[in-house]
Amino acid sequence: MAVQQAPGLWRTDLQQHDLSVDGHEVVQARVDLGPEAPLVKHTHPGEEIIYVLEGSLEYQVEGQPTKTYNAGEALTVPAGVVHAVRNVGSGNAAELATYVVEKGKPLITLVE
C-alpha cells in the first residue's frame, strides 16, 4: 500500500523483517518523487541503501558534496546522517530504499 508523505512524495512499503543481528531489522520501500515533491531533511536509525529505479535524483548528504544519481545508480547514506533528496527531472523519479535499522526506533526523523 502506498502512503503519501507529502505532495508528490509516496512510499510503498515492500517488506520488513528481523535480522540475525540483535535489535536490528530491514525495511524495504519504493519511494516515488514527483517534480513537485518537497526537499525534506531527515535521518534514519541505521544505514539507507538506495538504488535509483527511474529518473534523476539529487541527494544532499551532510559532509558530502551534493550529487545527482540517475536510474541504475546506487548510494549508501550512513546511520544518523542528515540528508535530503529531490527530483531534478521533469517526470516521476523513484528509488528502492533498503534500511538496515535499529528495531523499535522511528524509521524517519525529520530535521529542521
PDB file of N, CA and C in Angstrom:
ATOM      1  N   MET A   1       0.836  -1.182   0.000  1.00  0.00           N
ATOM      2  CA  MET A   1       0.000   0.000   0.000  1.00  0.00           C
ATOM      3  C   MET A   1       0.878   1.241   0.000  1.00  0.00           C
ATOM      4  N   ALA A   2       0.580   2.171  -0.892  1.00  0.00           N
ATOM      5  CA  ALA A   2       1.347   3.409  -0.991  1.00  0.00           C
ATOM      6  C   ALA A   2       0.810   4.439  -0.008  1.00  0.00           C
ATOM      7  N   VAL A   3       1.721   5.127   0.657  1.00  0.00           N
ATOM      8  CA  VAL A   3       1.358   6.155   1.627  1.00  0.00           C
ATOM      9  C   VAL A   3       1.938   7.474   1.148  1.00  0.00           C
ATOM     10  N   GLN A   4       1.063   8.481   0.979  1.00  0.00           N
ATOM     11  CA  GLN A   4       1.560   9.790   0.575  1.00  0.00           C
ATOM     12  C   GLN A   4       2.136  10.485   1.795  1.00  0.00           C
ATOM     13  N   GLN A   5       3.395  10.889   1.719  1.00  0.00           N
ATOM     14  CA  GLN A   5       4.068  11.529   2.835  1.00  0.00           C
ATOM     15  C   GLN A   5       4.067  13.046   2.713  1.00  0.00           C
ATOM     16  N   ALA A   6       3.953  13.557   1.507  1.00  0.00           N
ATOM     17  CA  ALA A   6       3.901  14.990   1.219  1.00  0.00           C
ATOM     18  C   ALA A   6       3.443  15.106  -0.227  1.00  0.00           C
ATOM     19  N   PRO A   7       3.057  16.300  -0.682  1.00  0.00           N
ATOM     20  CA  PRO A   7       2.665  16.429  -2.088  1.00  0.00           C
ATOM     21  C   PRO A   7       3.769  15.915  -3.015  1.00  0.00           C
ATOM     22  N   GLY A   8       3.434  14.971  -3.879  1.00  0.00           N
ATOM     23  CA  GLY A   8       4.397  14.437  -4.835  1.00  0.00           C
ATOM     24  C   GLY A   8       5.367  13.426  -4.257  1.00  0.00           C
ATOM     25  N   LEU A   9       5.155  12.985  -3.020  1.00  0.00           N
ATOM     26  CA  LEU A   9       6.073  12.050  -2.359  1.00  0.00           C
ATOM     27  C   LEU A   9       5.275  10.866  -1.820  1.00  0.00           C
ATOM     28  N   TRP A  10       5.552   9.673  -2.365  1.00  0.00           N
ATOM     29  CA  TRP A  10       4.833   8.459  -1.982  1.00  0.00           C
ATOM     30  C   TRP A  10       5.820   7.378  -1.576  1.00  0.00           C
ATOM     31  N   ARG A  11       5.497   6.625  -0.514  1.00  0.00           N
ATOM     32  CA  ARG A  11       6.320   5.484  -0.105  1.00  0.00           C
ATOM     33  C   ARG A  11       5.446   4.236  -0.098  1.00  0.00           C
ATOM     34  N   THR A  12       5.913   3.214  -0.783  1.00  0.00           N
ATOM     35  CA  THR A  12       5.235   1.920  -0.796  1.00  0.00           C
ATOM     36  C   THR A  12       6.113   0.927  -0.051  1.00  0.00           C
ATOM     37  N   ASP A  13       5.664   0.476   1.123  1.00  0.00           N
ATOM     38  CA  ASP A  13       6.433  -0.496   1.900  1.00  0.00           C
ATOM     39  C   ASP A  13       6.357  -1.856   1.219  1.00  0.00           C
ATOM     40  N   LEU A  14       7.523  -2.487   1.025  1.00  0.00           N
ATOM     41  CA  LEU A  14       7.601  -3.767   0.336  1.00  0.00           C
ATOM     42  C   LEU A  14       7.819  -4.923   1.303  1.00  0.00           C
ATOM     43  N   GLN A  15       8.697  -4.744   2.289  1.00  0.00           N
ATOM     44  CA  GLN A  15       8.936  -5.802   3.274  1.00  0.00           C
ATOM     45  C   GLN A  15       9.582  -5.221   4.523  1.00  0.00           C
ATOM     46  N   GLN A  16       9.421  -5.961   5.623  1.00  0.00           N
ATOM     47  CA  GLN A  16      10.022  -5.595   6.902  1.00  0.00           C
ATOM     48  C   GLN A  16      10.265  -6.891   7.661  1.00  0.00           C
ATOM     49  N   HIS A  17      11.547  -7.145   8.018  1.00  0.00           N
ATOM     50  CA  HIS A  17      11.905  -8.401   8.675  1.00  0.00           C
ATOM     51  C   HIS A  17      12.981  -8.175   9.720  1.00  0.00           C
ATOM     52  N   ASP A  18      12.946  -8.998  10.777  1.00  0.00           N
ATOM     53  CA  ASP A  18      14.034  -9.010  11.752  1.00  0.00           C
ATOM     54  C   ASP A  18      15.285  -9.552  11.075  1.00  0.00           C
ATOM     55  N   LEU A  19      16.453  -9.097  11.562  1.00  0.00           N
ATOM     56  CA  LEU A  19      17.730  -9.582  11.057  1.00  0.00           C
ATOM     57  C   LEU A  19      18.382 -10.495  12.093  1.00  0.00           C
ATOM     58  N   SER A  20      19.446 -11.185  11.688  1.00  0.00           N
ATOM     59  CA  SER A  20      20.175 -12.045  12.619  1.00  0.00           C
ATOM     60  C   SER A  20      21.017 -11.225  13.591  1.00  0.00           C
ATOM     61  N   VAL A  21      21.164  -9.930  13.336  1.00  0.00           N
ATOM     62  CA  VAL A  21      21.872  -9.027  14.242  1.00  0.00           C
ATOM     63  C   VAL A  21      20.864  -8.563  15.296  1.00  0.00           C
ATOM     64  N   ASP A  22      21.137  -8.832  16.560  1.00  0.00           N
ATOM     65  CA  ASP A  22      20.212  -8.480  17.638  1.00  0.00           C
ATOM     66  C   ASP A  22      19.786  -7.018  17.576  1.00  0.00           C
ATOM     67  N   GLY A  23      18.478  -6.786  17.698  1.00  0.00           N
ATOM     68  CA  GLY A  23      17.948  -5.438  17.783  1.00  0.00           C
ATOM     69  C   GLY A  23      17.876  -4.688  16.473  1.00  0.00           C
ATOM     70  N   HIS A  24      18.082  -5.373  15.343  1.00  0.00           N
ATOM     71  CA  HIS A  24      18.041  -4.712  14.045  1.00  0.00           C
ATOM     72  C   HIS A  24      17.025  -5.390  13.114  1.00  0.00           C
ATOM     73  N   GLU A  25      16.537  -4.599  12.169  1.00  0.00           N
ATOM     74  CA  GLU A  25      15.607  -5.104  11.166  1.00  0.00           C
ATOM     75  C   GLU A  25      15.918  -4.464   9.826  1.00  0.00           C
ATOM     76  N   VAL A  26      15.389  -5.063   8.778  1.00  0.00           N
ATOM     77  CA  VAL A  26      15.499  -4.490   7.444  1.00  0.00           C
ATOM     78  C   VAL A  26      14.102  -4.056   7.013  1.00  0.00           C
ATOM     79  N   VAL A  27      14.029  -2.868   6.424  1.00  0.00           N
ATOM     80  CA  VAL A  27      12.786  -2.339   5.870  1.00  0.00           C
ATOM     81  C   VAL A  27      13.098  -1.958   4.436  1.00  0.00           C
ATOM     82  N   GLN A  28      12.250  -2.396   3.508  1.00  0.00           N
ATOM     83  CA  GLN A  28      12.471  -2.067   2.107  1.00  0.00           C
ATOM     84  C   GLN A  28      11.227  -1.379   1.570  1.00  0.00           C
ATOM     85  N   ALA A  29      11.440  -0.281   0.833  1.00  0.00           N
ATOM     86  CA  ALA A  29      10.325   0.507   0.313  1.00  0.00           C
ATOM     87  C   ALA A  29      10.674   1.091  -1.048  1.00  0.00           C
ATOM     88  N   ARG A  30       9.651   1.293  -1.831  1.00  0.00           N
ATOM     89  CA  ARG A  30       9.781   2.056  -3.075  1.00  0.00           C
ATOM     90  C   ARG A  30       9.325   3.469  -2.743  1.00  0.00           C
ATOM     91  N   VAL A  31      10.150   4.454  -3.094  1.00  0.00           N
ATOM     92  CA  VAL A  31       9.812   5.853  -2.857  1.00  0.00           C
ATOM     93  C   VAL A  31       9.693   6.530  -4.214  1.00  0.00           C
ATOM     94  N   ASP A  32       8.503   7.084  -4.501  1.00  0.00           N
ATOM     95  CA  ASP A  32       8.258   7.815  -5.739  1.00  0.00           C
ATOM     96  C   ASP A  32       8.238   9.300  -5.442  1.00  0.00           C
ATOM     97  N   LEU A  33       8.951  10.058  -6.263  1.00  0.00           N
ATOM     98  CA  LEU A  33       9.033  11.510  -6.088  1.00  0.00           C
ATOM     99  C   LEU A  33       8.638  12.200  -7.384  1.00  0.00           C
ATOM    100  N   GLY A  34       7.564  12.977  -7.336  1.00  0.00           N
ATOM    101  CA  GLY A  34       7.199  13.801  -8.465  1.00  0.00           C
ATOM    102  C   GLY A  34       8.076  15.044  -8.487  1.00  0.00           C
ATOM    103  N   PRO A  35       8.055  15.795  -9.599  1.00  0.00           N
ATOM    104  CA  PRO A  35       8.866  17.010  -9.682  1.00  0.00           C
ATOM    105  C   PRO A  35       8.505  18.036  -8.603  1.00  0.00           C
ATOM    106  N   GLU A  36       7.285  17.968  -8.076  1.00  0.00           N
ATOM    107  CA  GLU A  36       6.820  18.931  -7.066  1.00  0.00           C
ATOM    108  C   GLU A  36       7.133  18.507  -5.634  1.00  0.00           C
ATOM    109  N   ALA A  37       7.720  17.328  -5.445  1.00  0.00           N
ATOM    110  CA  ALA A  37       7.997  16.827  -4.088  1.00  0.00           C
ATOM    111  C   ALA A  37       8.943  17.777  -3.354  1.00  0.00           C
ATOM    112  N   PRO A  38       8.635  18.070  -2.088  1.00  0.00           N
ATOM    113  CA  PRO A  38       9.487  18.989  -1.323  1.00  0.00           C
ATOM    114  C   PRO A  38      10.800  18.322  -0.901  1.00  0.00           C
ATOM    115  N   LEU A  39      11.785  19.149  -0.640  1.00  0.00           N
ATOM    116  CA  LEU A  39      13.062  18.688  -0.095  1.00  0.00           C
ATOM    117  C   LEU A  39      12.872  18.539   1.411  1.00  0.00           C
ATOM    118  N   VAL A  40      13.022  17.313   1.924  1.00  0.00           N
ATOM    119  CA  VAL A  40      12.764  17.029   3.343  1.00  0.00           C
ATOM    120  C   VAL A  40      14.055  16.516   3.977  1.00  0.00           C
ATOM    121  N   LYS A  41      14.640  17.304   4.880  1.00  0.00           N
ATOM    122  CA  LYS A  41      15.853  16.868   5.582  1.00  0.00           C
ATOM    123  C   LYS A  41      15.449  15.892   6.682  1.00  0.00           C
ATOM    124  N   HIS A  42      16.185  14.768   6.757  1.00  0.00           N
ATOM    125  CA  HIS A  42      15.835  13.733   7.726  1.00  0.00           C
ATOM    126  C   HIS A  42      17.015  12.816   8.010  1.00  0.00           C
ATOM    127  N   THR A  43      16.829  11.930   9.004  1.00  0.00           N
ATOM    128  CA  THR A  43      17.817  10.904   9.340  1.00  0.00           C
ATOM    129  C   THR A  43      17.098   9.569   9.515  1.00  0.00           C
ATOM    130  N   HIS A  44      17.896   8.497   9.595  1.00  0.00           N
ATOM    131  CA  HIS A  44      17.386   7.154   9.869  1.00  0.00           C
ATOM    132  C   HIS A  44      18.249   6.524  10.964  1.00  0.00           C
ATOM    133  N   PRO A  45      17.687   5.608  11.769  1.00  0.00           N
ATOM    134  CA  PRO A  45      18.449   4.972  12.848  1.00  0.00           C
ATOM    135  C   PRO A  45      19.292   3.784  12.362  1.00  0.00           C
ATOM    136  N   GLY A  46      19.866   3.937  11.191  1.00  0.00           N
ATOM    137  CA  GLY A  46      20.696   2.899  10.578  1.00  0.00           C
ATOM    138  C   GLY A  46      21.009   3.306   9.155  1.00  0.00           C
ATOM    139  N   GLU A  47      21.675   2.423   8.425  1.00  0.00           N
ATOM    140  CA  GLU A  47      22.056   2.732   7.048  1.00  0.00           C
ATOM    141  C   GLU A  47      20.849   2.685   6.114  1.00  0.00           C
ATOM    142  N   GLU A  48      20.911   3.554   5.078  1.00  0.00           N
ATOM    143  CA  GLU A  48      19.940   3.507   3.989  1.00  0.00           C
ATOM    144  C   GLU A  48      20.717   3.199   2.715  1.00  0.00           C
ATOM    145  N   ILE A  49      20.337   2.118   2.049  1.00  0.00           N
ATOM    146  CA  ILE A  49      20.973   1.707   0.807  1.00  0.00           C
ATOM    147  C   ILE A  49      19.975   2.004  -0.302  1.00  0.00           C
ATOM    148  N   ILE A  50      20.378   2.830  -1.260  1.00  0.00           N
ATOM    149  CA  ILE A  50      19.452   3.366  -2.261  1.00  0.00           C
ATOM    150  C   ILE A  50      19.859   2.914  -3.657  1.00  0.00           C
ATOM    151  N   TYR A  51      18.870   2.476  -4.425  1.00  0.00           N
ATOM    152  CA  TYR A  51      19.048   2.168  -5.849  1.00  0.00           C
ATOM    153  C   TYR A  51      18.022   2.997  -6.608  1.00  0.00           C
ATOM    154  N   VAL A  52      18.482   3.837  -7.527  1.00  0.00           N
ATOM    155  CA  VAL A  52      17.572   4.693  -8.290  1.00  0.00           C
ATOM    156  C   VAL A  52      16.932   3.863  -9.405  1.00  0.00           C
ATOM    157  N   LEU A  53      15.606   3.765  -9.338  1.00  0.00           N
ATOM    158  CA  LEU A  53      14.853   2.950 -10.306  1.00  0.00           C
ATOM    159  C   LEU A  53      14.540   3.708 -11.587  1.00  0.00           C
ATOM    160  N   GLU A  54      14.191   4.981 -11.446  1.00  0.00           N
ATOM    161  CA  GLU A  54      13.859   5.778 -12.630  1.00  0.00           C
ATOM    162  C   GLU A  54      14.092   7.258 -12.342  1.00  0.00           C
ATOM    163  N   GLY A  55      14.377   8.000 -13.411  1.00  0.00           N
ATOM    164  CA  GLY A  55      14.554   9.442 -13.286  1.00  0.00           C
ATOM    165  C   GLY A  55      15.928   9.835 -12.776  1.00  0.00           C
ATOM    166  N   SER A  56      16.010  11.087 -12.303  1.00  0.00           N
ATOM    167  CA  SER A  56      17.243  11.659 -11.768  1.00  0.00           C
ATOM    168  C   SER A  56      16.950  12.277 -10.415  1.00  0.00           C
ATOM    169  N   LEU A  57      17.719  11.868  -9.394  1.00  0.00           N
ATOM    170  CA  LEU A  57      17.519  12.345  -8.035  1.00  0.00           C
ATOM    171  C   LEU A  57      18.792  13.001  -7.519  1.00  0.00           C
ATOM    172  N   GLU A  58      18.621  14.184  -6.935  1.00  0.00           N
ATOM    173  CA  GLU A  58      19.744  14.898  -6.338  1.00  0.00           C
ATOM    174  C   GLU A  58      19.735  14.649  -4.842  1.00  0.00           C
ATOM    175  N   TYR A  59      20.864  14.155  -4.333  1.00  0.00           N
ATOM    176  CA  TYR A  59      20.990  13.858  -2.910  1.00  0.00           C
ATOM    177  C   TYR A  59      21.905  14.867  -2.244  1.00  0.00           C
ATOM    178  N   GLN A  60      21.439  15.401  -1.124  1.00  0.00           N
ATOM    179  CA  GLN A  60      22.249  16.251  -0.264  1.00  0.00           C
ATOM    180  C   GLN A  60      22.511  15.438   0.996  1.00  0.00           C
ATOM    181  N   VAL A  61      23.753  14.992   1.157  1.00  0.00           N
ATOM    182  CA  VAL A  61      24.148  14.177   2.307  1.00  0.00           C
ATOM    183  C   VAL A  61      25.165  14.999   3.101  1.00  0.00           C
ATOM    184  N   GLU A  62      24.862  15.242   4.366  1.00  0.00           N
ATOM    185  CA  GLU A  62      25.736  16.058   5.202  1.00  0.00           C
ATOM    186  C   GLU A  62      27.175  15.553   5.158  1.00  0.00           C
ATOM    187  N   GLY A  63      28.112  16.488   4.937  1.00  0.00           N
ATOM    188  CA  GLY A  63      29.524  16.139   4.884  1.00  0.00           C
ATOM    189  C   GLY A  63      30.004  15.692   3.518  1.00  0.00           C
ATOM    190  N   GLN A  64      29.096  15.652   2.532  1.00  0.00           N
ATOM    191  CA  GLN A  64      29.462  15.245   1.173  1.00  0.00           C
ATOM    192  C   GLN A  64      28.955  16.292   0.181  1.00  0.00           C
ATOM    193  N   PRO A  65      29.603  16.413  -0.976  1.00  0.00           N
ATOM    194  CA  PRO A  65      29.069  17.334  -1.987  1.00  0.00           C
ATOM    195  C   PRO A  65      27.726  16.823  -2.514  1.00  0.00           C
ATOM    196  N   THR A  66      26.839  17.748  -2.863  1.00  0.00           N
ATOM    197  CA  THR A  66      25.556  17.382  -3.476  1.00  0.00           C
ATOM    198  C   THR A  66      25.843  16.660  -4.790  1.00  0.00           C
ATOM    199  N   LYS A  67      25.104  15.569  -5.031  1.00  0.00           N
ATOM    200  CA  LYS A  67      25.348  14.765  -6.229  1.00  0.00           C
ATOM    201  C   LYS A  67      24.034  14.264  -6.811  1.00  0.00           C
ATOM    202  N   THR A  68      23.969  14.221  -8.134  1.00  0.00           N
ATOM    203  CA  THR A  68      22.802  13.696  -8.836  1.00  0.00           C
ATOM    204  C   THR A  68      23.070  12.254  -9.255  1.00  0.00           C
ATOM    205  N   TYR A  69      22.097  11.392  -8.972  1.00  0.00           N
ATOM    206  CA  TYR A  69      22.164   9.982  -9.349  1.00  0.00           C
ATOM    207  C   TYR A  69      21.035   9.706 -10.334  1.00  0.00           C
ATOM    208  N   ASN A  70      21.342   8.932 -11.365  1.00  0.00           N
ATOM    209  CA  ASN A  70      20.360   8.589 -12.393  1.00  0.00           C
ATOM    210  C   ASN A  70      19.948   7.129 -12.268  1.00  0.00           C
ATOM    211  N   ALA A  71      18.875   6.771 -12.958  1.00  0.00           N
ATOM    212  CA  ALA A  71      18.383   5.388 -12.938  1.00  0.00           C
ATOM    213  C   ALA A  71      19.544   4.424 -13.148  1.00  0.00           C
ATOM    214  N   GLY A  72      19.605   3.388 -12.296  1.00  0.00           N
ATOM    215  CA  GLY A  72      20.649   2.381 -12.394  1.00  0.00           C
ATOM    216  C   GLY A  72      21.841   2.640 -11.481  1.00  0.00           C
ATOM    217  N   GLU A  73      21.861   3.803 -10.815  1.00  0.00           N
ATOM    218  CA  GLU A  73      22.964   4.118  -9.905  1.00  0.00           C
ATOM    219  C   GLU A  73      22.533   3.896  -8.457  1.00  0.00           C
ATOM    220  N   ALA A  74      23.517   3.722  -7.566  1.00  0.00           N
ATOM    221  CA  ALA A  74      23.232   3.415  -6.171  1.00  0.00           C
ATOM    222  C   ALA A  74      24.116   4.241  -5.245  1.00  0.00           C
ATOM    223  N   LEU A  75      23.654   4.390  -3.995  1.00  0.00           N
ATOM    224  CA  LEU A  75      24.421   5.076  -2.969  1.00  0.00           C
ATOM    225  C   LEU A  75      23.996   4.554  -1.613  1.00  0.00           C
ATOM    226  N   THR A  76      24.815   4.848  -0.604  1.00  0.00           N
ATOM    227  CA  THR A  76      24.501   4.479   0.775  1.00  0.00           C
ATOM    228  C   THR A  76      24.620   5.716   1.647  1.00  0.00           C
ATOM    229  N   VAL A  77      23.616   5.924   2.503  1.00  0.00           N
ATOM    230  CA  VAL A  77      23.641   7.024   3.468  1.00  0.00           C
ATOM    231  C   VAL A  77      23.941   6.414   4.835  1.00  0.00           C
ATOM    232  N   PRO A  78      25.015   6.871   5.498  1.00  0.00           N
ATOM    233  CA  PRO A  78      25.367   6.308   6.804  1.00  0.00           C
ATOM    234  C   PRO A  78      24.298   6.575   7.867  1.00  0.00           C
ATOM    235  N   ALA A  79      24.295   5.759   8.892  1.00  0.00           N
ATOM    236  CA  ALA A  79      23.340   5.882  10.001  1.00  0.00           C
ATOM    237  C   ALA A  79      23.424   7.255  10.650  1.00  0.00           C
ATOM    238  N   GLY A  80      22.252   7.863  10.883  1.00  0.00           N
ATOM    239  CA  GLY A  80      22.164   9.113  11.620  1.00  0.00           C
ATOM    240  C   GLY A  80      22.610  10.355  10.877  1.00  0.00           C
ATOM    241  N   VAL A  81      23.011  10.241   9.616  1.00  0.00           N
ATOM    242  CA  VAL A  81      23.487  11.391   8.853  1.00  0.00           C
ATOM    243  C   VAL A  81      22.293  12.126   8.230  1.00  0.00           C
ATOM    244  N   VAL A  82      22.264  13.447   8.401  1.00  0.00           N
ATOM    245  CA  VAL A  82      21.195  14.263   7.827  1.00  0.00           C
ATOM    246  C   VAL A  82      21.336  14.256   6.305  1.00  0.00           C
ATOM    247  N   HIS A  83      20.209  14.014   5.632  1.00  0.00           N
ATOM    248  CA  HIS A  83      20.213  14.011   4.171  1.00  0.00           C
ATOM    249  C   HIS A  83      18.841  14.390   3.635  1.00  0.00           C
ATOM    250  N   ALA A  84      18.815  14.706   2.347  1.00  0.00           N
ATOM    251  CA  ALA A  84      17.570  15.061   1.668  1.00  0.00           C
ATOM    252  C   ALA A  84      17.725  14.705   0.198  1.00  0.00           C
ATOM    253  N   VAL A  85      16.597  14.502  -0.463  1.00  0.00           N
ATOM    254  CA  VAL A  85      16.606  14.142  -1.880  1.00  0.00           C
ATOM    255  C   VAL A  85      15.538  14.951  -2.601  1.00  0.00           C
ATOM    256  N   ARG A  86      15.841  15.291  -3.855  1.00  0.00           N
ATOM    257  CA  ARG A  86      14.814  15.941  -4.673  1.00  0.00           C
ATOM    258  C   ARG A  86      14.920  15.440  -6.099  1.00  0.00           C
ATOM    259  N   ASN A  87      13.783  15.450  -6.757  1.00  0.00           N
ATOM    260  CA  ASN A  87      13.674  15.052  -8.155  1.00  0.00           C
ATOM    261  C   ASN A  87      14.153  16.229  -9.000  1.00  0.00           C
ATOM    262  N   VAL A  88      15.172  16.019  -9.822  1.00  0.00           N
ATOM    263  CA  VAL A  88      15.677  17.096 -10.671  1.00  0.00           C
ATOM    264  C   VAL A  88      15.285  16.902 -12.136  1.00  0.00           C
ATOM    265  N   GLY A  89      14.369  15.966 -12.399  1.00  0.00           N
ATOM    266  CA  GLY A  89      13.869  15.751 -13.752  1.00  0.00           C
ATOM    267  C   GLY A  89      12.496  16.379 -13.922  1.00  0.00           C
ATOM    268  N   SER A  90      11.905  16.174 -15.079  1.00  0.00           N
ATOM    269  CA  SER A  90      10.582  16.747 -15.349  1.00  0.00           C
ATOM    270  C   SER A  90       9.456  15.740 -15.120  1.00  0.00           C
ATOM    271  N   GLY A  91       9.790  14.455 -14.992  1.00  0.00           N
ATOM    272  CA  GLY A  91       8.780  13.427 -14.756  1.00  0.00           C
ATOM    273  C   GLY A  91       8.983  12.768 -13.402  1.00  0.00           C
ATOM    274  N   ASN A  92       8.325  11.633 -13.211  1.00  0.00           N
ATOM    275  CA  ASN A  92       8.448  10.897 -11.946  1.00  0.00           C
ATOM    276  C   ASN A  92       9.861  10.338 -11.795  1.00  0.00           C
ATOM    277  N   ALA A  93      10.307  10.255 -10.563  1.00  0.00           N
ATOM    278  CA  ALA A  93      11.554   9.569 -10.225  1.00  0.00           C
ATOM    279  C   ALA A  93      11.225   8.604  -9.101  1.00  0.00           C
ATOM    280  N   ALA A  94      12.009   7.538  -8.993  1.00  0.00           N
ATOM    281  CA  ALA A  94      11.736   6.541  -7.956  1.00  0.00           C
ATOM    282  C   ALA A  94      13.025   5.886  -7.519  1.00  0.00           C
ATOM    283  N   GLU A  95      13.019   5.456  -6.246  1.00  0.00           N
ATOM    284  CA  GLU A  95      14.162   4.742  -5.688  1.00  0.00           C
ATOM    285  C   GLU A  95      13.668   3.531  -4.926  1.00  0.00           C
ATOM    286  N   LEU A  96      14.531   2.536  -4.844  1.00  0.00           N
ATOM    287  CA  LEU A  96      14.322   1.399  -3.955  1.00  0.00           C
ATOM    288  C   LEU A  96      15.188   1.692  -2.737  1.00  0.00           C
ATOM    289  N   ALA A  97      14.554   1.897  -1.586  1.00  0.00           N
ATOM    290  CA  ALA A  97      15.267   2.231  -0.359  1.00  0.00           C
ATOM    291  C   ALA A  97      15.259   1.019   0.562  1.00  0.00           C
ATOM    292  N   THR A  98      16.444   0.572   0.953  1.00  0.00           N
ATOM    293  CA  THR A  98      16.586  -0.535   1.884  1.00  0.00           C
ATOM    294  C   THR A  98      17.242   0.015   3.144  1.00  0.00           C
ATOM    295  N   TYR A  99      16.541  -0.106   4.256  1.00  0.00           N
ATOM    296  CA  TYR A  99      17.020   0.426   5.529  1.00  0.00           C
ATOM    297  C   TYR A  99      17.424  -0.732   6.429  1.00  0.00           C
ATOM    298  N   VAL A 100      18.644  -0.676   6.960  1.00  0.00           N
ATOM    299  CA  VAL A 100      19.107  -1.631   7.969  1.00  0.00           C
ATOM    300  C   VAL A 100      19.181  -0.812   9.251  1.00  0.00           C
ATOM    301  N   VAL A 101      18.169  -0.969  10.101  1.00  0.00           N
ATOM    302  CA  VAL A 101      17.962  -0.026  11.201  1.00  0.00           C
ATOM    303  C   VAL A 101      17.745  -0.719  12.547  1.00  0.00           C
ATOM    304  N   GLU A 102      17.877   0.095  13.598  1.00  0.00           N
ATOM    305  CA  GLU A 102      17.598  -0.384  14.943  1.00  0.00           C
ATOM    306  C   GLU A 102      16.094  -0.586  15.086  1.00  0.00           C
ATOM    307  N   LYS A 103      15.713  -1.748  15.551  1.00  0.00           N
ATOM    308  CA  LYS A 103      14.302  -2.102  15.706  1.00  0.00           C
ATOM    309  C   LYS A 103      13.667  -1.258  16.813  1.00  0.00           C
ATOM    310  N   GLY A 104      12.429  -0.833  16.571  1.00  0.00           N
ATOM    311  CA  GLY A 104      11.687  -0.097  17.586  1.00  0.00           C
ATOM    312  C   GLY A 104      11.892   1.410  17.539  1.00  0.00           C
ATOM    313  N   LYS A 105      12.806   1.895  16.710  1.00  0.00           N
ATOM    314  CA  LYS A 105      13.012   3.337  16.580  1.00  0.00           C
ATOM    315  C   LYS A 105      12.250   3.822  15.354  1.00  0.00           C
ATOM    316  N   PRO A 106      11.842   5.112  15.339  1.00  0.00           N
ATOM    317  CA  PRO A 106      11.159   5.641  14.155  1.00  0.00           C
ATOM    318  C   PRO A 106      12.061   5.516  12.924  1.00  0.00           C
ATOM    319  N   LEU A 107      11.489   5.081  11.804  1.00  0.00           N
ATOM    320  CA  LEU A 107      12.262   4.900  10.580  1.00  0.00           C
ATOM    321  C   LEU A 107      12.823   6.228  10.077  1.00  0.00           C
ATOM    322  N   ILE A 108      12.015   7.288  10.208  1.00  0.00           N
ATOM    323  CA  ILE A 108      12.412   8.610   9.700  1.00  0.00           C
ATOM    324  C   ILE A 108      12.258   9.640  10.814  1.00  0.00           C
ATOM    325  N   THR A 109      13.313  10.441  11.021  1.00  0.00           N
ATOM    326  CA  THR A 109      13.247  11.570  11.943  1.00  0.00           C
ATOM    327  C   THR A 109      13.497  12.828  11.142  1.00  0.00           C
ATOM    328  N   LEU A 110      12.513  13.739  11.127  1.00  0.00           N
ATOM    329  CA  LEU A 110      12.647  14.987  10.377  1.00  0.00           C
ATOM    330  C   LEU A 110      13.614  15.930  11.080  1.00  0.00           C
ATOM    331  N   VAL A 111      14.354  16.680  10.285  1.00  0.00           N
ATOM    332  CA  VAL A 111      15.337  17.646  10.788  1.00  0.00           C
ATOM    333  C   VAL A 111      14.986  18.998  10.180  1.00  0.00           C
ATOM    334  N   GLU A 112      14.974  20.026  11.025  1.00  0.00           N
ATOM    335  CA  GLU A 112      14.651  21.380  10.508  1.00  0.00           C
ATOM    336  C   GLU A 112      15.899  22.154  10.204  1.00  0.00           C
TER     337      GLU A 112
END
